[in-house]
Amino acid sequence: KLGRSLMVDMHPSQMVKSHKKQGAR
C-alpha cells in the first residue's frame, strides 16, 4: 500500500516549497 501511495521522491527541502512548483504536486 505504501508503494502504491508513492507519487514522487524529493529532497525534503524541496518538498517544503513544492506548493510553489508547476505540475503534479
PDB file of all heavy atoms in Angstrom:
ATOM      1  N   LYS A   1       0.837  -1.203   0.000  1.00  0.00           N
ATOM      2  CA  LYS A   1       0.000   0.000   0.000  1.00  0.00           C
ATOM      3  C   LYS A   1       0.871   1.252   0.000  1.00  0.00           C
ATOM      4  O   LYS A   1       0.561   2.242  -0.670  1.00  0.00           O
ATOM      5  CB  LYS A   1      -0.925   0.002   1.220  1.00  0.00           C
ATOM      6  CG  LYS A   1      -2.013  -1.070   1.177  1.00  0.00           C
ATOM      7  CD  LYS A   1      -2.857  -1.029   2.448  1.00  0.00           C
ATOM      8  CE  LYS A   1      -3.959  -2.076   2.408  1.00  0.00           C
ATOM      9  NZ  LYS A   1      -4.763  -2.081   3.666  1.00  0.00           N
ATOM     10  N   LEU A   2       1.971   1.199   0.764  1.00  0.00           N
ATOM     11  CA  LEU A   2       2.878   2.345   0.801  1.00  0.00           C
ATOM     12  C   LEU A   2       3.482   2.579  -0.582  1.00  0.00           C
ATOM     13  O   LEU A   2       3.616   3.718  -1.028  1.00  0.00           O
ATOM     14  CB  LEU A   2       3.989   2.106   1.827  1.00  0.00           C
ATOM     15  CG  LEU A   2       4.919   3.298   2.096  1.00  0.00           C
ATOM     16  CD1 LEU A   2       4.162   4.426   2.786  1.00  0.00           C
ATOM     17  CD2 LEU A   2       6.130   2.872   2.945  1.00  0.00           C
ATOM     18  N   GLY A   3       3.839   1.486  -1.263  1.00  0.00           N
ATOM     19  CA  GLY A   3       4.365   1.600  -2.621  1.00  0.00           C
ATOM     20  C   GLY A   3       3.353   2.211  -3.568  1.00  0.00           C
ATOM     21  O   GLY A   3       3.699   3.053  -4.414  1.00  0.00           O
ATOM     22  N   ARG A   4       2.093   1.837  -3.409  1.00  0.00           N
ATOM     23  CA  ARG A   4       1.040   2.381  -4.276  1.00  0.00           C
ATOM     24  C   ARG A   4       0.775   3.853  -3.973  1.00  0.00           C
ATOM     25  O   ARG A   4       0.254   4.588  -4.809  1.00  0.00           O
ATOM     26  CB  ARG A   4      -0.248   1.562  -4.122  1.00  0.00           C
ATOM     27  CG  ARG A   4      -0.144   0.150  -4.704  1.00  0.00           C
ATOM     28  CD  ARG A   4      -1.513  -0.501  -4.838  1.00  0.00           C
ATOM     29  NE  ARG A   4      -2.073  -0.891  -3.564  1.00  0.00           N
ATOM     30  CZ  ARG A   4      -1.939  -2.084  -3.009  1.00  0.00           C
ATOM     31  NH1 ARG A   4      -1.229  -3.028  -3.629  1.00  0.00           N
ATOM     32  NH2 ARG A   4      -2.494  -2.369  -1.848  1.00  0.00           N
ATOM     33  N   SER A   5       1.130   4.291  -2.760  1.00  0.00           N
ATOM     34  CA  SER A   5       0.888   5.685  -2.383  1.00  0.00           C
ATOM     35  C   SER A   5       1.901   6.642  -3.002  1.00  0.00           C
ATOM     36  O   SER A   5       1.651   7.839  -3.094  1.00  0.00           O
ATOM     37  CB  SER A   5       0.923   5.834  -0.859  1.00  0.00           C
ATOM     38  OG  SER A   5       2.264   5.830  -0.374  1.00  0.00           O
ATOM     39  N   LEU A   6       3.060   6.112  -3.414  1.00  0.00           N
ATOM     40  CA  LEU A   6       4.157   6.974  -3.857  1.00  0.00           C
ATOM     41  C   LEU A   6       3.813   7.740  -5.121  1.00  0.00           C
ATOM     42  O   LEU A   6       3.425   7.176  -6.133  1.00  0.00           O
ATOM     43  CB  LEU A   6       5.419   6.143  -4.098  1.00  0.00           C
ATOM     44  CG  LEU A   6       6.653   6.944  -4.540  1.00  0.00           C
ATOM     45  CD1 LEU A   6       7.099   7.887  -3.425  1.00  0.00           C
ATOM     46  CD2 LEU A   6       7.794   6.018  -4.938  1.00  0.00           C
ATOM     47  N   MET A   7       4.010   9.045  -5.031  1.00  0.00           N
ATOM     48  CA  MET A   7       3.847   9.904  -6.200  1.00  0.00           C
ATOM     49  C   MET A   7       5.196  10.389  -6.695  1.00  0.00           C
ATOM     50  O   MET A   7       5.469  10.435  -7.880  1.00  0.00           O
ATOM     51  CB  MET A   7       2.970  11.115  -5.852  1.00  0.00           C
ATOM     52  CG  MET A   7       2.860  12.131  -6.970  1.00  0.00           C
ATOM     53  SD  MET A   7       1.871  13.552  -6.449  1.00  0.00           S
ATOM     54  CE  MET A   7       2.004  14.577  -7.901  1.00  0.00           C
ATOM     55  N   VAL A   8       6.043  10.757  -5.762  1.00  0.00           N
ATOM     56  CA  VAL A   8       7.333  11.333  -6.138  1.00  0.00           C
ATOM     57  C   VAL A   8       8.275  11.205  -4.953  1.00  0.00           C
ATOM     58  O   VAL A   8       7.854  11.086  -3.816  1.00  0.00           O
ATOM     59  CB  VAL A   8       7.170  12.816  -6.541  1.00  0.00           C
ATOM     60  CG1 VAL A   8       6.795  13.658  -5.341  1.00  0.00           C
ATOM     61  CG2 VAL A   8       8.429  13.359  -7.207  1.00  0.00           C
ATOM     62  N   ASP A   9       9.560  11.203  -5.268  1.00  0.00           N
ATOM     63  CA  ASP A   9      10.587  11.189  -4.232  1.00  0.00           C
ATOM     64  C   ASP A   9      11.413  12.449  -4.399  1.00  0.00           C
ATOM     65  O   ASP A   9      12.101  12.621  -5.394  1.00  0.00           O
ATOM     66  CB  ASP A   9      11.477   9.956  -4.393  1.00  0.00           C
ATOM     67  CG  ASP A   9      12.746  10.040  -3.559  1.00  0.00           C
ATOM     68  OD1 ASP A   9      12.682  10.638  -2.478  1.00  0.00           O
ATOM     69  OD2 ASP A   9      13.787   9.520  -4.002  1.00  0.00           O
ATOM     70  N   MET A  10      11.310  13.371  -3.434  1.00  0.00           N
ATOM     71  CA  MET A  10      12.065  14.616  -3.490  1.00  0.00           C
ATOM     72  C   MET A  10      12.824  14.810  -2.179  1.00  0.00           C
ATOM     73  O   MET A  10      12.491  14.210  -1.159  1.00  0.00           O
ATOM     74  CB  MET A  10      11.129  15.823  -3.668  1.00  0.00           C
ATOM     75  CG  MET A  10      10.436  15.914  -4.992  1.00  0.00           C
ATOM     76  SD  MET A  10       9.450  17.452  -5.067  1.00  0.00           S
ATOM     77  CE  MET A  10       8.698  17.288  -6.683  1.00  0.00           C
ATOM     78  N   HIS A  11      13.842  15.662  -2.244  1.00  0.00           N
ATOM     79  CA  HIS A  11      14.534  16.035  -1.019  1.00  0.00           C
ATOM     80  C   HIS A  11      13.566  16.880  -0.186  1.00  0.00           C
ATOM     81  O   HIS A  11      12.841  17.717  -0.722  1.00  0.00           O
ATOM     82  CB  HIS A  11      15.781  16.849  -1.346  1.00  0.00           C
ATOM     83  CG  HIS A  11      16.667  17.055  -0.158  1.00  0.00           C
ATOM     84  ND1 HIS A  11      16.462  18.075   0.743  1.00  0.00           N
ATOM     85  CD2 HIS A  11      17.737  16.373   0.283  1.00  0.00           C
ATOM     86  CE1 HIS A  11      17.382  18.010   1.692  1.00  0.00           C
ATOM     87  NE2 HIS A  11      18.173  16.989   1.435  1.00  0.00           N
ATOM     88  N   PRO A  12      13.523  16.656   1.147  1.00  0.00           N
ATOM     89  CA  PRO A  12      12.577  17.397   1.994  1.00  0.00           C
ATOM     90  C   PRO A  12      12.645  18.907   1.833  1.00  0.00           C
ATOM     91  O   PRO A  12      11.628  19.597   1.916  1.00  0.00           O
ATOM     92  CB  PRO A  12      12.982  16.969   3.407  1.00  0.00           C
ATOM     93  CG  PRO A  12      13.553  15.608   3.229  1.00  0.00           C
ATOM     94  CD  PRO A  12      14.274  15.648   1.907  1.00  0.00           C
ATOM     95  N   SER A  13      13.844  19.453   1.610  1.00  0.00           N
ATOM     96  CA  SER A  13      13.955  20.902   1.454  1.00  0.00           C
ATOM     97  C   SER A  13      13.194  21.382   0.228  1.00  0.00           C
ATOM     98  O   SER A  13      12.731  22.530   0.179  1.00  0.00           O
ATOM     99  CB  SER A  13      15.428  21.319   1.338  1.00  0.00           C
ATOM    100  OG  SER A  13      16.029  20.765   0.184  1.00  0.00           O
ATOM    101  N   GLN A  14      13.044  20.500  -0.763  1.00  0.00           N
ATOM    102  CA  GLN A  14      12.276  20.840  -1.953  1.00  0.00           C
ATOM    103  C   GLN A  14      10.780  20.678  -1.703  1.00  0.00           C
ATOM    104  O   GLN A  14       9.959  21.436  -2.219  1.00  0.00           O
ATOM    105  CB  GLN A  14      12.711  19.950  -3.118  1.00  0.00           C
ATOM    106  CG  GLN A  14      14.124  20.226  -3.590  1.00  0.00           C
ATOM    107  CD  GLN A  14      14.295  21.659  -4.025  1.00  0.00           C
ATOM    108  OE1 GLN A  14      13.708  22.084  -5.014  1.00  0.00           O
ATOM    109  NE2 GLN A  14      15.077  22.422  -3.287  1.00  0.00           N
ATOM    110  N   MET A  15      10.432  19.674  -0.903  1.00  0.00           N
ATOM    111  CA  MET A  15       9.020  19.402  -0.668  1.00  0.00           C
ATOM    112  C   MET A  15       8.363  20.512   0.147  1.00  0.00           C
ATOM    113  O   MET A  15       7.177  20.781   0.007  1.00  0.00           O
ATOM    114  CB  MET A  15       8.849  18.064   0.057  1.00  0.00           C
ATOM    115  CG  MET A  15       9.280  16.872  -0.790  1.00  0.00           C
ATOM    116  SD  MET A  15       8.659  16.957  -2.483  1.00  0.00           S
ATOM    117  CE  MET A  15       6.923  17.154  -2.205  1.00  0.00           C
ATOM    118  N   VAL A  16       9.145  21.171   1.008  1.00  0.00           N
ATOM    119  CA  VAL A  16       8.606  22.285   1.788  1.00  0.00           C
ATOM    120  C   VAL A  16       8.094  23.380   0.860  1.00  0.00           C
ATOM    121  O   VAL A  16       7.129  24.080   1.167  1.00  0.00           O
ATOM    122  CB  VAL A  16       9.695  22.834   2.740  1.00  0.00           C
ATOM    123  CG1 VAL A  16       9.244  24.132   3.375  1.00  0.00           C
ATOM    124  CG2 VAL A  16      10.004  21.807   3.825  1.00  0.00           C
ATOM    125  N   LYS A  17       8.730  23.528  -0.318  1.00  0.00           N
ATOM    126  CA  LYS A  17       8.353  24.561  -1.277  1.00  0.00           C
ATOM    127  C   LYS A  17       7.596  23.989  -2.480  1.00  0.00           C
ATOM    128  O   LYS A  17       7.404  24.674  -3.474  1.00  0.00           O
ATOM    129  CB  LYS A  17       9.606  25.287  -1.765  1.00  0.00           C
ATOM    130  CG  LYS A  17      10.429  25.913  -0.641  1.00  0.00           C
ATOM    131  CD  LYS A  17      11.722  26.509  -1.180  1.00  0.00           C
ATOM    132  CE  LYS A  17      12.577  27.075  -0.054  1.00  0.00           C
ATOM    133  NZ  LYS A  17      13.881  27.598  -0.564  1.00  0.00           N
ATOM    134  N   SER A  18       7.184  22.719  -2.390  1.00  0.00           N
ATOM    135  CA  SER A  18       6.584  22.059  -3.555  1.00  0.00           C
ATOM    136  C   SER A  18       5.271  22.699  -3.990  1.00  0.00           C
ATOM    137  O   SER A  18       4.883  22.591  -5.155  1.00  0.00           O
ATOM    138  CB  SER A  18       6.356  20.570  -3.252  1.00  0.00           C
ATOM    139  OG  SER A  18       5.411  20.396  -2.214  1.00  0.00           O
ATOM    140  N   HIS A  19       4.591  23.396  -3.065  1.00  0.00           N
ATOM    141  CA  HIS A  19       3.313  24.013  -3.433  1.00  0.00           C
ATOM    142  C   HIS A  19       3.505  25.159  -4.424  1.00  0.00           C
ATOM    143  O   HIS A  19       2.551  25.593  -5.063  1.00  0.00           O
ATOM    144  CB  HIS A  19       2.605  24.524  -2.170  1.00  0.00           C
ATOM    145  CG  HIS A  19       3.359  25.577  -1.424  1.00  0.00           C
ATOM    146  ND1 HIS A  19       4.498  25.301  -0.697  1.00  0.00           N
ATOM    147  CD2 HIS A  19       3.155  26.918  -1.294  1.00  0.00           C
ATOM    148  CE1 HIS A  19       4.946  26.410  -0.143  1.00  0.00           C
ATOM    149  NE2 HIS A  19       4.164  27.414  -0.488  1.00  0.00           N
ATOM    150  N   LYS A  20       4.771  25.633  -4.567  1.00  0.00           N
ATOM    151  CA  LYS A  20       5.045  26.725  -5.491  1.00  0.00           C
ATOM    152  C   LYS A  20       5.434  26.228  -6.884  1.00  0.00           C
ATOM    153  O   LYS A  20       5.570  27.017  -7.802  1.00  0.00           O
ATOM    154  CB  LYS A  20       6.182  27.601  -4.941  1.00  0.00           C
ATOM    155  CG  LYS A  20       5.863  28.258  -3.602  1.00  0.00           C
ATOM    156  CD  LYS A  20       7.034  29.092  -3.117  1.00  0.00           C
ATOM    157  CE  LYS A  20       6.723  29.738  -1.772  1.00  0.00           C
ATOM    158  NZ  LYS A  20       7.879  30.537  -1.280  1.00  0.00           N
ATOM    159  N   LYS A  21       5.640  24.923  -7.000  1.00  0.00           N
ATOM    160  CA  LYS A  21       6.108  24.380  -8.268  1.00  0.00           C
ATOM    161  C   LYS A  21       4.950  24.111  -9.222  1.00  0.00           C
ATOM    162  O   LYS A  21       3.815  23.886  -8.804  1.00  0.00           O
ATOM    163  CB  LYS A  21       6.897  23.081  -8.028  1.00  0.00           C
ATOM    164  CG  LYS A  21       8.155  23.289  -7.193  1.00  0.00           C
ATOM    165  CD  LYS A  21       8.924  21.998  -7.033  1.00  0.00           C
ATOM    166  CE  LYS A  21      10.176  22.219  -6.203  1.00  0.00           C
ATOM    167  NZ  LYS A  21      11.134  23.099  -6.872  1.00  0.00           N
ATOM    168  N   GLN A  22       5.274  24.077 -10.505  1.00  0.00           N
ATOM    169  CA  GLN A  22       4.283  23.768 -11.524  1.00  0.00           C
ATOM    170  C   GLN A  22       4.153  22.253 -11.665  1.00  0.00           C
ATOM    171  O   GLN A  22       5.050  21.500 -11.315  1.00  0.00           O
ATOM    172  CB  GLN A  22       4.710  24.376 -12.871  1.00  0.00           C
ATOM    173  CG  GLN A  22       4.810  25.900 -12.857  1.00  0.00           C
ATOM    174  CD  GLN A  22       3.468  26.557 -12.576  1.00  0.00           C
ATOM    175  OE1 GLN A  22       2.444  26.167 -13.119  1.00  0.00           O
ATOM    176  NE2 GLN A  22       3.492  27.572 -11.714  1.00  0.00           N
ATOM    177  N   GLY A  23       3.048  21.820 -12.215  1.00  0.00           N
ATOM    178  CA  GLY A  23       2.847  20.393 -12.457  1.00  0.00           C
ATOM    179  C   GLY A  23       2.315  19.662 -11.240  1.00  0.00           C
ATOM    180  O   GLY A  23       1.830  20.262 -10.280  1.00  0.00           O
ATOM    181  N   ALA A  24       2.422  18.332 -11.293  1.00  0.00           N
ATOM    182  CA  ALA A  24       1.880  17.492 -10.230  1.00  0.00           C
ATOM    183  C   ALA A  24       2.613  17.733  -8.919  1.00  0.00           C
ATOM    184  O   ALA A  24       3.837  17.836  -8.879  1.00  0.00           O
ATOM    185  CB  ALA A  24       2.001  16.022 -10.627  1.00  0.00           C
ATOM    186  N   ARG A  25       1.845  17.829  -7.832  1.00  0.00           N
ATOM    187  CA  ARG A  25       2.412  18.060  -6.517  1.00  0.00           C
ATOM    188  C   ARG A  25       1.826  17.050  -5.535  1.00  0.00           C
ATOM    189  O   ARG A  25       0.621  16.793  -5.553  1.00  0.00           O
ATOM    190  CB  ARG A  25       2.097  19.486  -6.041  1.00  0.00           C
ATOM    191  CG  ARG A  25       2.765  20.582  -6.854  1.00  0.00           C
ATOM    192  CD  ARG A  25       2.387  21.959  -6.330  1.00  0.00           C
ATOM    193  NE  ARG A  25       0.995  22.265  -6.645  1.00  0.00           N
ATOM    194  CZ  ARG A  25       0.603  22.988  -7.699  1.00  0.00           C
ATOM    195  NH1 ARG A  25       1.508  23.450  -8.544  1.00  0.00           N
ATOM    196  NH2 ARG A  25      -0.660  23.240  -7.928  1.00  0.00           N
TER     197      ARG A  25
END
